Amino acid sequence: MSQKTFFITGANSGFGFAIAAAASRQGHRVIGTVRSEDSRAAFAERLPAARSVRCDVTEFDRMADVVRKVEEDHGPVDVLINNAGYGHEGILEESPLEEMRRQFDVNVFGAVAVAKAFLPRFRERRRGFIVNVTSMGGMITMPGIAYYCGSKFALQGISEVMRAEMAPFGVRVTALCPGSFRTDWAGRSMIRTERSIADYDTLFDPIRQARQSKSGRQLGDPDKLAAAVLKLIESDAPPPQLLLGSDALALVSERIERLKQEIEAWESVTTSTDG
């Protein structure tokens, strides 16, 4: 693959750092976003060949200026890795709406704001690749992560529309849908709503405990995800979405099979409304 310029949001940890490191090792130019000067210093120490820019994706009105400055300083960006995001865990009835708003601000509005800053540039150049990091939680659901799944379902749908709208201009868009990986998603970076309603104890407490106990020991390897992303970027025919991880494959496949069964079971009612 010829040298490309990558712009990676949330580049100082997790998937973002793994992709930044892999791209840098292959000789690509990497610009990563960080949210603080401490993170910026740590990123520079761990990955000296990369460059960073201080940017909070929820500062929506700044995105166009950030991208303009990045391209003035480093040249045209070829690949946007829309990775910044976090997990929220909490029973829906217990979780304040403010926590949902913050989840959507980062995972949906932030990702869209960054993409929109690049869309006119990619469209005018008739090239570019956008990877929106969603989740298997954008295709399946689990009790206790309603806000997270909602945000990822939203970004999943937006990504498909973005792909269709940008295809005539040679711009590629793929939603990356990882399963469980050894990142801080279920650990340090997750926001957890405090429990308050005993009726949910039997359903949810074992789920929360299992997630915490498995954190850091998940099957997925972030470095292998990064290698898969670089392979994706090379593809002449990238898919609308790419599942990563055997758990994602199994759980999404089961969801598709259940959906087919539900459609078939209710087919007569479905078609009865035609007039």
C-alpha atoms as a PDB file:
ATOM      1  CA  MET A   1       0.000   0.000   0.000  1.00  0.00           C
ATOM      2  CA  SER A   2       1.349   3.429  -0.951  1.00  0.00           C
ATOM      3  CA  GLN A   3       1.927   5.896   1.866  1.00  0.00           C
ATOM      4  CA  LYS A   4      -1.300   7.414   3.140  1.00  0.00           C
ATOM      5  CA  THR A   5      -2.189  10.026   5.715  1.00  0.00           C
ATOM      6  CA  PHE A   6      -4.416   8.738   8.525  1.00  0.00           C
ATOM      7  CA  PHE A   7      -6.514  10.923  10.827  1.00  0.00           C
ATOM      8  CA  ILE A   8      -7.487   8.869  13.873  1.00  0.00           C
ATOM      9  CA  THR A   9      -9.792  10.111  16.625  1.00  0.00           C
ATOM     10  CA  GLY A  10      -9.247   8.809  20.146  1.00  0.00           C
ATOM     11  CA  ALA A  11      -5.721   7.783  19.173  1.00  0.00           C
ATOM     12  CA  ASN A  12      -4.082   7.585  22.591  1.00  0.00           C
ATOM     13  CA  SER A  13      -5.610   4.273  23.716  1.00  0.00           C
ATOM     14  CA  GLY A  14      -7.486   1.154  22.658  1.00  0.00           C
ATOM     15  CA  PHE A  15      -8.272   0.604  19.001  1.00  0.00           C
ATOM     16  CA  GLY A  16      -7.160   4.114  18.116  1.00  0.00           C
ATOM     17  CA  PHE A  17      -3.636   3.620  19.398  1.00  0.00           C
ATOM     18  CA  ALA A  18      -3.359   0.109  17.950  1.00  0.00           C
ATOM     19  CA  ILE A  19      -4.328   1.372  14.487  1.00  0.00           C
ATOM     20  CA  ALA A  20      -2.052   4.407  14.808  1.00  0.00           C
ATOM     21  CA  ALA A  21       0.914   2.219  15.768  1.00  0.00           C
ATOM     22  CA  ALA A  22       0.283  -0.296  12.986  1.00  0.00           C
ATOM     23  CA  ALA A  23      -0.129   2.405  10.335  1.00  0.00           C
ATOM     24  CA  SER A  24       3.000   4.180  11.552  1.00  0.00           C
ATOM     25  CA  ARG A  25       5.021   0.960  11.411  1.00  0.00           C
ATOM     26  CA  GLN A  26       3.984   0.531   7.785  1.00  0.00           C
ATOM     27  CA  GLY A  27       5.299   3.984   6.925  1.00  0.00           C
ATOM     28  CA  HIS A  28       2.024   5.891   6.839  1.00  0.00           C
ATOM     29  CA  ARG A  29       1.659   9.420   8.163  1.00  0.00           C
ATOM     30  CA  VAL A  30      -0.507   9.416  11.291  1.00  0.00           C
ATOM     31  CA  ILE A  31      -2.308  12.307  12.957  1.00  0.00           C
ATOM     32  CA  GLY A  32      -4.150  11.324  16.113  1.00  0.00           C
ATOM     33  CA  THR A  33      -6.554  13.301  18.259  1.00  0.00           C
ATOM     34  CA  VAL A  34      -6.096  13.511  22.023  1.00  0.00           C
ATOM     35  CA  ARG A  35      -8.110  15.382  24.631  1.00  0.00           C
ATOM     36  CA  SER A  36      -5.434  16.762  26.955  1.00  0.00           C
ATOM     37  CA  GLU A  37      -1.830  17.904  27.002  1.00  0.00           C
ATOM     38  CA  ASP A  38      -0.925  14.962  29.246  1.00  0.00           C
ATOM     39  CA  SER A  39      -2.401  12.564  26.693  1.00  0.00           C
ATOM     40  CA  ARG A  40      -0.583  14.399  23.945  1.00  0.00           C
ATOM     41  CA  ALA A  41       2.762  13.991  25.711  1.00  0.00           C
ATOM     42  CA  ALA A  42       2.108  10.315  26.399  1.00  0.00           C
ATOM     43  CA  PHE A  43       1.103   9.703  22.783  1.00  0.00           C
ATOM     44  CA  ALA A  44       4.258  11.405  21.508  1.00  0.00           C
ATOM     45  CA  GLU A  45       6.422   9.331  23.847  1.00  0.00           C
ATOM     46  CA  ARG A  46       4.818   6.043  22.818  1.00  0.00           C
ATOM     47  CA  LEU A  47       4.617   6.831  19.102  1.00  0.00           C
ATOM     48  CA  PRO A  48       7.250   9.462  18.196  1.00  0.00           C
ATOM     49  CA  ALA A  49       6.703   9.137  14.437  1.00  0.00           C
ATOM     50  CA  ALA A  50       3.055  10.184  14.704  1.00  0.00           C
ATOM     51  CA  ARG A  51       1.633  13.665  15.155  1.00  0.00           C
ATOM     52  CA  SER A  52      -1.226  14.677  17.412  1.00  0.00           C
ATOM     53  CA  VAL A  53      -3.826  17.390  17.689  1.00  0.00           C
ATOM     54  CA  ARG A  54      -5.773  18.313  20.794  1.00  0.00           C
ATOM     55  CA  CYS A  55      -9.425  17.836  19.986  1.00  0.00           C
ATOM     56  CA  ASP A  56     -12.626  16.885  21.782  1.00  0.00           C
ATOM     57  CA  VAL A  57     -15.060  15.492  19.218  1.00  0.00           C
ATOM     58  CA  THR A  58     -17.987  17.005  21.123  1.00  0.00           C
ATOM     59  CA  GLU A  59     -16.732  20.501  20.272  1.00  0.00           C
ATOM     60  CA  PHE A  60     -18.717  20.206  17.070  1.00  0.00           C
ATOM     61  CA  ASP A  61     -18.206  23.751  15.827  1.00  0.00           C
ATOM     62  CA  ARG A  62     -14.408  23.352  15.943  1.00  0.00           C
ATOM     63  CA  MET A  63     -14.197  20.331  13.658  1.00  0.00           C
ATOM     64  CA  ALA A  64     -13.984  22.169  10.342  1.00  0.00           C
ATOM     65  CA  ASP A  65     -11.176  24.385  11.639  1.00  0.00           C
ATOM     66  CA  VAL A  66      -9.317  21.429  13.144  1.00  0.00           C
ATOM     67  CA  VAL A  67      -9.433  19.523   9.867  1.00  0.00           C
ATOM     68  CA  ARG A  68      -8.469  22.581   7.836  1.00  0.00           C
ATOM     69  CA  LYS A  69      -5.402  23.168  10.043  1.00  0.00           C
ATOM     70  CA  VAL A  70      -4.419  19.494   9.921  1.00  0.00           C
ATOM     71  CA  GLU A  71      -4.479  19.458   6.125  1.00  0.00           C
ATOM     72  CA  GLU A  72      -2.599  22.771   5.939  1.00  0.00           C
ATOM     73  CA  ASP A  73       0.126  21.333   8.183  1.00  0.00           C
ATOM     74  CA  HIS A  74       0.264  17.744   6.958  1.00  0.00           C
ATOM     75  CA  GLY A  75      -1.326  17.616   3.524  1.00  0.00           C
ATOM     76  CA  PRO A  76      -4.509  15.884   2.375  1.00  0.00           C
ATOM     77  CA  VAL A  77      -5.875  13.158   4.633  1.00  0.00           C
ATOM     78  CA  ASP A  78      -6.584   9.871   2.871  1.00  0.00           C
ATOM     79  CA  VAL A  79      -8.124   7.812   5.670  1.00  0.00           C
ATOM     80  CA  LEU A  80     -10.390   8.886   8.529  1.00  0.00           C
ATOM     81  CA  ILE A  81     -10.624   6.413  11.403  1.00  0.00           C
ATOM     82  CA  ASN A  82     -13.632   7.642  13.387  1.00  0.00           C
ATOM     83  CA  ASN A  83     -12.754   5.793  16.577  1.00  0.00           C
ATOM     84  CA  ALA A  84     -13.425   8.117  19.536  1.00  0.00           C
ATOM     85  CA  GLY A  85     -16.146   6.745  21.773  1.00  0.00           C
ATOM     86  CA  TYR A  86     -16.865   5.051  25.080  1.00  0.00           C
ATOM     87  CA  GLY A  87     -19.227   2.567  26.675  1.00  0.00           C
ATOM     88  CA  HIS A  88     -22.119   3.233  29.029  1.00  0.00           C
ATOM     89  CA  GLU A  89     -23.564   0.478  31.182  1.00  0.00           C
ATOM     90  CA  GLY A  90     -26.800   0.787  33.093  1.00  0.00           C
ATOM     91  CA  ILE A  91     -30.377  -0.452  33.254  1.00  0.00           C
ATOM     92  CA  LEU A  92     -32.536   1.821  31.103  1.00  0.00           C
ATOM     93  CA  GLU A  93     -34.990   2.720  33.872  1.00  0.00           C
ATOM     94  CA  GLU A  94     -32.133   3.562  36.229  1.00  0.00           C
ATOM     95  CA  SER A  95     -29.987   5.577  33.820  1.00  0.00           C
ATOM     96  CA  PRO A  96     -30.466   9.373  33.661  1.00  0.00           C
ATOM     97  CA  LEU A  97     -31.210  10.941  30.293  1.00  0.00           C
ATOM     98  CA  GLU A  98     -28.150  13.155  30.762  1.00  0.00           C
ATOM     99  CA  GLU A  99     -26.002  10.027  30.482  1.00  0.00           C
ATOM    100  CA  MET A 100     -27.755   9.094  27.242  1.00  0.00           C
ATOM    101  CA  ARG A 101     -27.203  12.585  25.864  1.00  0.00           C
ATOM    102  CA  ARG A 102     -23.470  12.408  26.633  1.00  0.00           C
ATOM    103  CA  GLN A 103     -23.248   8.937  25.076  1.00  0.00           C
ATOM    104  CA  PHE A 104     -24.834  10.155  21.855  1.00  0.00           C
ATOM    105  CA  ASP A 105     -22.819  13.384  21.846  1.00  0.00           C
ATOM    106  CA  VAL A 106     -19.571  11.402  21.726  1.00  0.00           C
ATOM    107  CA  ASN A 107     -20.490   8.212  19.879  1.00  0.00           C
ATOM    108  CA  VAL A 108     -22.892   9.674  17.300  1.00  0.00           C
ATOM    109  CA  PHE A 109     -22.771  13.461  17.008  1.00  0.00           C
ATOM    110  CA  GLY A 110     -19.002  13.562  17.535  1.00  0.00           C
ATOM    111  CA  ALA A 111     -18.364  10.931  14.878  1.00  0.00           C
ATOM    112  CA  VAL A 112     -20.724  12.649  12.441  1.00  0.00           C
ATOM    113  CA  ALA A 113     -19.175  16.073  13.092  1.00  0.00           C
ATOM    114  CA  VAL A 114     -15.702  14.752  12.290  1.00  0.00           C
ATOM    115  CA  ALA A 115     -16.937  12.949   9.170  1.00  0.00           C
ATOM    116  CA  LYS A 116     -18.783  16.046   7.951  1.00  0.00           C
ATOM    117  CA  ALA A 117     -15.579  18.067   8.250  1.00  0.00           C
ATOM    118  CA  PHE A 118     -13.913  15.638   5.847  1.00  0.00           C
ATOM    119  CA  LEU A 119     -16.791  14.896   3.447  1.00  0.00           C
ATOM    120  CA  PRO A 120     -16.428  18.011   1.250  1.00  0.00           C
ATOM    121  CA  ARG A 121     -12.671  17.511   1.026  1.00  0.00           C
ATOM    122  CA  PHE A 122     -12.956  13.847   0.108  1.00  0.00           C
ATOM    123  CA  ARG A 123     -15.775  14.579  -2.340  1.00  0.00           C
ATOM    124  CA  GLU A 124     -13.826  17.323  -4.103  1.00  0.00           C
ATOM    125  CA  ARG A 125     -10.715  15.130  -4.346  1.00  0.00           C
ATOM    126  CA  ARG A 126     -12.840  12.159  -5.493  1.00  0.00           C
ATOM    127  CA  ARG A 127     -11.099   9.834  -3.049  1.00  0.00           C
ATOM    128  CA  GLY A 128     -10.909   8.997   0.635  1.00  0.00           C
ATOM    129  CA  PHE A 129     -11.794   6.222   3.065  1.00  0.00           C
ATOM    130  CA  ILE A 130     -13.923   6.602   6.191  1.00  0.00           C
ATOM    131  CA  VAL A 131     -13.931   3.869   8.823  1.00  0.00           C
ATOM    132  CA  ASN A 132     -16.631   4.476  11.418  1.00  0.00           C
ATOM    133  CA  VAL A 133     -15.945   2.303  14.448  1.00  0.00           C
ATOM    134  CA  THR A 134     -19.301   1.011  15.636  1.00  0.00           C
ATOM    135  CA  SER A 135     -19.575  -2.335  17.461  1.00  0.00           C
ATOM    136  CA  MET A 136     -21.298  -5.672  17.359  1.00  0.00           C
ATOM    137  CA  GLY A 137     -23.527  -3.663  19.735  1.00  0.00           C
ATOM    138  CA  GLY A 138     -24.653  -1.755  16.651  1.00  0.00           C
ATOM    139  CA  MET A 139     -26.170  -4.970  15.281  1.00  0.00           C
ATOM    140  CA  ILE A 140     -27.203  -6.871  18.421  1.00  0.00           C
ATOM    141  CA  THR A 141     -28.429  -5.824  21.864  1.00  0.00           C
ATOM    142  CA  MET A 142     -27.813  -6.933  25.443  1.00  0.00           C
ATOM    143  CA  PRO A 143     -29.539  -5.956  28.711  1.00  0.00           C
ATOM    144  CA  GLY A 144     -27.813  -3.085  30.461  1.00  0.00           C
ATOM    145  CA  ILE A 145     -26.247  -1.254  27.538  1.00  0.00           C
ATOM    146  CA  ALA A 146     -29.267   0.408  25.946  1.00  0.00           C
ATOM    147  CA  TYR A 147     -27.627   3.812  25.523  1.00  0.00           C
ATOM    148  CA  TYR A 148     -24.464   2.286  24.059  1.00  0.00           C
ATOM    149  CA  CYS A 149     -26.331   0.008  21.647  1.00  0.00           C
ATOM    150  CA  GLY A 150     -28.617   2.875  20.677  1.00  0.00           C
ATOM    151  CA  SER A 151     -25.638   5.055  19.818  1.00  0.00           C
ATOM    152  CA  LYS A 152     -23.935   2.328  17.816  1.00  0.00           C
ATOM    153  CA  PHE A 153     -27.146   1.352  15.969  1.00  0.00           C
ATOM    154  CA  ALA A 154     -27.457   5.023  15.038  1.00  0.00           C
ATOM    155  CA  LEU A 155     -23.890   5.270  13.744  1.00  0.00           C
ATOM    156  CA  GLN A 156     -24.319   1.981  11.903  1.00  0.00           C
ATOM    157  CA  GLY A 157     -27.313   3.331   9.994  1.00  0.00           C
ATOM    158  CA  ILE A 158     -25.681   6.689   9.331  1.00  0.00           C
ATOM    159  CA  SER A 159     -22.608   4.890   7.988  1.00  0.00           C
ATOM    160  CA  GLU A 160     -24.685   2.972   5.443  1.00  0.00           C
ATOM    161  CA  VAL A 161     -26.305   6.164   4.199  1.00  0.00           C
ATOM    162  CA  MET A 162     -22.940   7.943   4.139  1.00  0.00           C
ATOM    163  CA  ARG A 163     -21.536   5.080   2.070  1.00  0.00           C
ATOM    164  CA  ALA A 164     -24.338   5.342  -0.495  1.00  0.00           C
ATOM    165  CA  GLU A 165     -24.086   9.126  -0.744  1.00  0.00           C
ATOM    166  CA  MET A 166     -20.295   9.188  -1.118  1.00  0.00           C
ATOM    167  CA  ALA A 167     -19.912   6.218  -3.478  1.00  0.00           C
ATOM    168  CA  PRO A 168     -20.440   8.305  -6.661  1.00  0.00           C
ATOM    169  CA  PHE A 169     -17.418  10.395  -5.662  1.00  0.00           C
ATOM    170  CA  GLY A 170     -15.014   7.511  -5.122  1.00  0.00           C
ATOM    171  CA  VAL A 171     -15.154   7.798  -1.334  1.00  0.00           C
ATOM    172  CA  ARG A 172     -15.405   4.527   0.571  1.00  0.00           C
ATOM    173  CA  VAL A 173     -17.169   4.070   3.896  1.00  0.00           C
ATOM    174  CA  THR A 174     -17.124   0.995   6.123  1.00  0.00           C
ATOM    175  CA  ALA A 175     -18.566   0.491   9.592  1.00  0.00           C
ATOM    176  CA  LEU A 176     -16.155  -1.519  11.730  1.00  0.00           C
ATOM    177  CA  CYS A 177     -18.062  -3.794  14.123  1.00  0.00           C
ATOM    178  CA  PRO A 178     -15.763  -5.313  16.755  1.00  0.00           C
ATOM    179  CA  GLY A 179     -16.788  -7.856  19.334  1.00  0.00           C
ATOM    180  CA  SER A 180     -15.080  -8.079  22.726  1.00  0.00           C
ATOM    181  CA  PHE A 181     -11.424  -6.997  22.669  1.00  0.00           C
ATOM    182  CA  ARG A 182      -8.742  -6.406  25.276  1.00  0.00           C
ATOM    183  CA  THR A 183      -9.196  -2.638  25.555  1.00  0.00           C
ATOM    184  CA  ASP A 184     -10.367  -0.352  28.365  1.00  0.00           C
ATOM    185  CA  TRP A 185     -13.940  -0.333  27.002  1.00  0.00           C
ATOM    186  CA  ALA A 186     -15.295  -2.445  29.871  1.00  0.00           C
ATOM    187  CA  GLY A 187     -12.791  -1.102  32.381  1.00  0.00           C
ATOM    188  CA  ARG A 188     -11.416   2.374  32.976  1.00  0.00           C
ATOM    189  CA  SER A 189     -13.287   4.099  30.161  1.00  0.00           C
ATOM    190  CA  MET A 190     -16.779   2.719  30.833  1.00  0.00           C
ATOM    191  CA  ILE A 191     -19.380   4.885  32.568  1.00  0.00           C
ATOM    192  CA  ARG A 192     -21.539   2.800  34.899  1.00  0.00           C
ATOM    193  CA  THR A 193     -24.845   4.002  36.304  1.00  0.00           C
ATOM    194  CA  GLU A 194     -25.325   3.155  39.966  1.00  0.00           C
ATOM    195  CA  ARG A 195     -27.869   0.454  40.742  1.00  0.00           C
ATOM    196  CA  SER A 196     -31.078   1.650  42.410  1.00  0.00           C
ATOM    197  CA  ILE A 197     -33.969  -0.749  41.624  1.00  0.00           C
ATOM    198  CA  ALA A 198     -33.832  -4.190  43.250  1.00  0.00           C
ATOM    199  CA  ASP A 199     -36.227  -5.736  40.720  1.00  0.00           C
ATOM    200  CA  TYR A 200     -33.387  -5.803  38.181  1.00  0.00           C
ATOM    201  CA  ASP A 201     -30.836  -7.503  40.437  1.00  0.00           C
ATOM    202  CA  THR A 202     -31.414 -11.031  39.161  1.00  0.00           C
ATOM    203  CA  LEU A 203     -31.241 -10.003  35.512  1.00  0.00           C
ATOM    204  CA  PHE A 204     -28.421  -7.513  35.543  1.00  0.00           C
ATOM    205  CA  ASP A 205     -26.051  -8.055  38.459  1.00  0.00           C
ATOM    206  CA  PRO A 206     -24.565 -11.257  36.963  1.00  0.00           C
ATOM    207  CA  ILE A 207     -24.084  -9.476  33.626  1.00  0.00           C
ATOM    208  CA  ARG A 208     -22.238  -6.552  35.236  1.00  0.00           C
ATOM    209  CA  GLN A 209     -20.079  -8.873  37.340  1.00  0.00           C
ATOM    210  CA  ALA A 210     -19.193 -11.075  34.362  1.00  0.00           C
ATOM    211  CA  ARG A 211     -18.247  -8.063  32.236  1.00  0.00           C
ATOM    212  CA  GLN A 212     -15.999  -6.660  34.950  1.00  0.00           C
ATOM    213  CA  SER A 213     -14.334 -10.014  35.616  1.00  0.00           C
ATOM    214  CA  LYS A 214     -13.578 -10.551  31.917  1.00  0.00           C
ATOM    215  CA  SER A 215     -12.222  -7.046  31.335  1.00  0.00           C
ATOM    216  CA  GLY A 216      -8.668  -7.304  30.044  1.00  0.00           C
ATOM    217  CA  ARG A 217      -9.040 -11.023  29.282  1.00  0.00           C
ATOM    218  CA  GLN A 218     -11.281 -10.841  26.224  1.00  0.00           C
ATOM    219  CA  LEU A 219     -10.468 -13.000  23.218  1.00  0.00           C
ATOM    220  CA  GLY A 220      -9.955 -10.103  20.789  1.00  0.00           C
ATOM    221  CA  ASP A 221      -6.435  -8.754  20.204  1.00  0.00           C
ATOM    222  CA  PRO A 222      -6.358  -5.003  19.360  1.00  0.00           C
ATOM    223  CA  ASP A 223      -3.146  -5.425  17.337  1.00  0.00           C
ATOM    224  CA  LYS A 224      -4.833  -8.014  15.140  1.00  0.00           C
ATOM    225  CA  LEU A 225      -7.785  -5.654  14.719  1.00  0.00           C
ATOM    226  CA  ALA A 226      -5.342  -2.969  13.554  1.00  0.00           C
ATOM    227  CA  ALA A 227      -3.863  -5.375  11.006  1.00  0.00           C
ATOM    228  CA  ALA A 228      -7.373  -6.145   9.761  1.00  0.00           C
ATOM    229  CA  VAL A 229      -8.115  -2.424   9.382  1.00  0.00           C
ATOM    230  CA  LEU A 230      -4.993  -1.902   7.260  1.00  0.00           C
ATOM    231  CA  LYS A 231      -6.059  -4.850   5.106  1.00  0.00           C
ATOM    232  CA  LEU A 232      -9.516  -3.280   4.790  1.00  0.00           C
ATOM    233  CA  ILE A 233      -8.007   0.010   3.620  1.00  0.00           C
ATOM    234  CA  GLU A 234      -6.176  -1.817   0.843  1.00  0.00           C
ATOM    235  CA  SER A 235      -9.334  -3.482  -0.481  1.00  0.00           C
ATOM    236  CA  ASP A 236     -10.759  -2.466  -3.845  1.00  0.00           C
ATOM    237  CA  ALA A 237     -14.202  -3.607  -2.687  1.00  0.00           C
ATOM    238  CA  PRO A 238     -14.548  -2.909   1.049  1.00  0.00           C
ATOM    239  CA  PRO A 239     -17.780  -4.124   2.689  1.00  0.00           C
ATOM    240  CA  PRO A 240     -20.467  -1.855   4.164  1.00  0.00           C
ATOM    241  CA  GLN A 241     -19.669  -3.361   7.550  1.00  0.00           C
ATOM    242  CA  LEU A 242     -16.882  -5.609   8.783  1.00  0.00           C
ATOM    243  CA  LEU A 243     -17.393  -7.814  11.819  1.00  0.00           C
ATOM    244  CA  LEU A 244     -14.236  -8.486  13.820  1.00  0.00           C
ATOM    245  CA  GLY A 245     -14.020 -11.270  16.362  1.00  0.00           C
ATOM    246  CA  SER A 246     -15.513 -14.744  16.540  1.00  0.00           C
ATOM    247  CA  ASP A 247     -17.987 -13.600  19.192  1.00  0.00           C
ATOM    248  CA  ALA A 248     -19.264 -10.862  16.893  1.00  0.00           C
ATOM    249  CA  LEU A 249     -19.646 -13.394  14.091  1.00  0.00           C
ATOM    250  CA  ALA A 250     -21.585 -15.827  16.275  1.00  0.00           C
ATOM    251  CA  LEU A 251     -23.852 -13.303  17.977  1.00  0.00           C
ATOM    252  CA  VAL A 252     -24.712 -11.314  14.851  1.00  0.00           C
ATOM    253  CA  SER A 253     -25.321 -14.504  12.868  1.00  0.00           C
ATOM    254  CA  GLU A 254     -27.717 -15.691  15.589  1.00  0.00           C
ATOM    255  CA  ARG A 255     -29.514 -12.333  15.484  1.00  0.00           C
ATOM    256  CA  ILE A 256     -29.929 -12.564  11.708  1.00  0.00           C
ATOM    257  CA  GLU A 257     -31.349 -16.094  11.996  1.00  0.00           C
ATOM    258  CA  ARG A 258     -33.830 -15.020  14.687  1.00  0.00           C
ATOM    259  CA  LEU A 259     -34.859 -12.052  12.566  1.00  0.00           C
ATOM    260  CA  LYS A 260     -35.529 -14.315   9.587  1.00  0.00           C
ATOM    261  CA  GLN A 261     -37.675 -16.572  11.770  1.00  0.00           C
ATOM    262  CA  GLU A 262     -39.626 -13.611  13.148  1.00  0.00           C
ATOM    263  CA  ILE A 263     -40.268 -12.262   9.657  1.00  0.00           C
ATOM    264  CA  GLU A 264     -41.498 -15.634   8.438  1.00  0.00           C
ATOM    265  CA  ALA A 265     -43.716 -16.184  11.497  1.00  0.00           C
ATOM    266  CA  TRP A 266     -45.440 -12.822  11.034  1.00  0.00           C
ATOM    267  CA  GLU A 267     -45.406 -12.688   7.240  1.00  0.00           C
ATOM    268  CA  SER A 268     -49.181 -12.945   6.866  1.00  0.00           C
ATOM    269  CA  VAL A 269     -49.742 -10.024   9.238  1.00  0.00           C
ATOM    270  CA  THR A 270     -46.990  -8.032   7.553  1.00  0.00           C
ATOM    271  CA  THR A 271     -48.535  -8.378   4.090  1.00  0.00           C
ATOM    272  CA  SER A 272     -52.109  -7.939   5.348  1.00  0.00           C
ATOM    273  CA  THR A 273     -51.711  -4.162   5.490  1.00  0.00           C
ATOM    274  CA  ASP A 274     -51.258  -3.707   1.736  1.00  0.00           C
ATOM    275  CA  GLY A 275     -54.269  -1.929   0.372  1.00  0.00           C
END
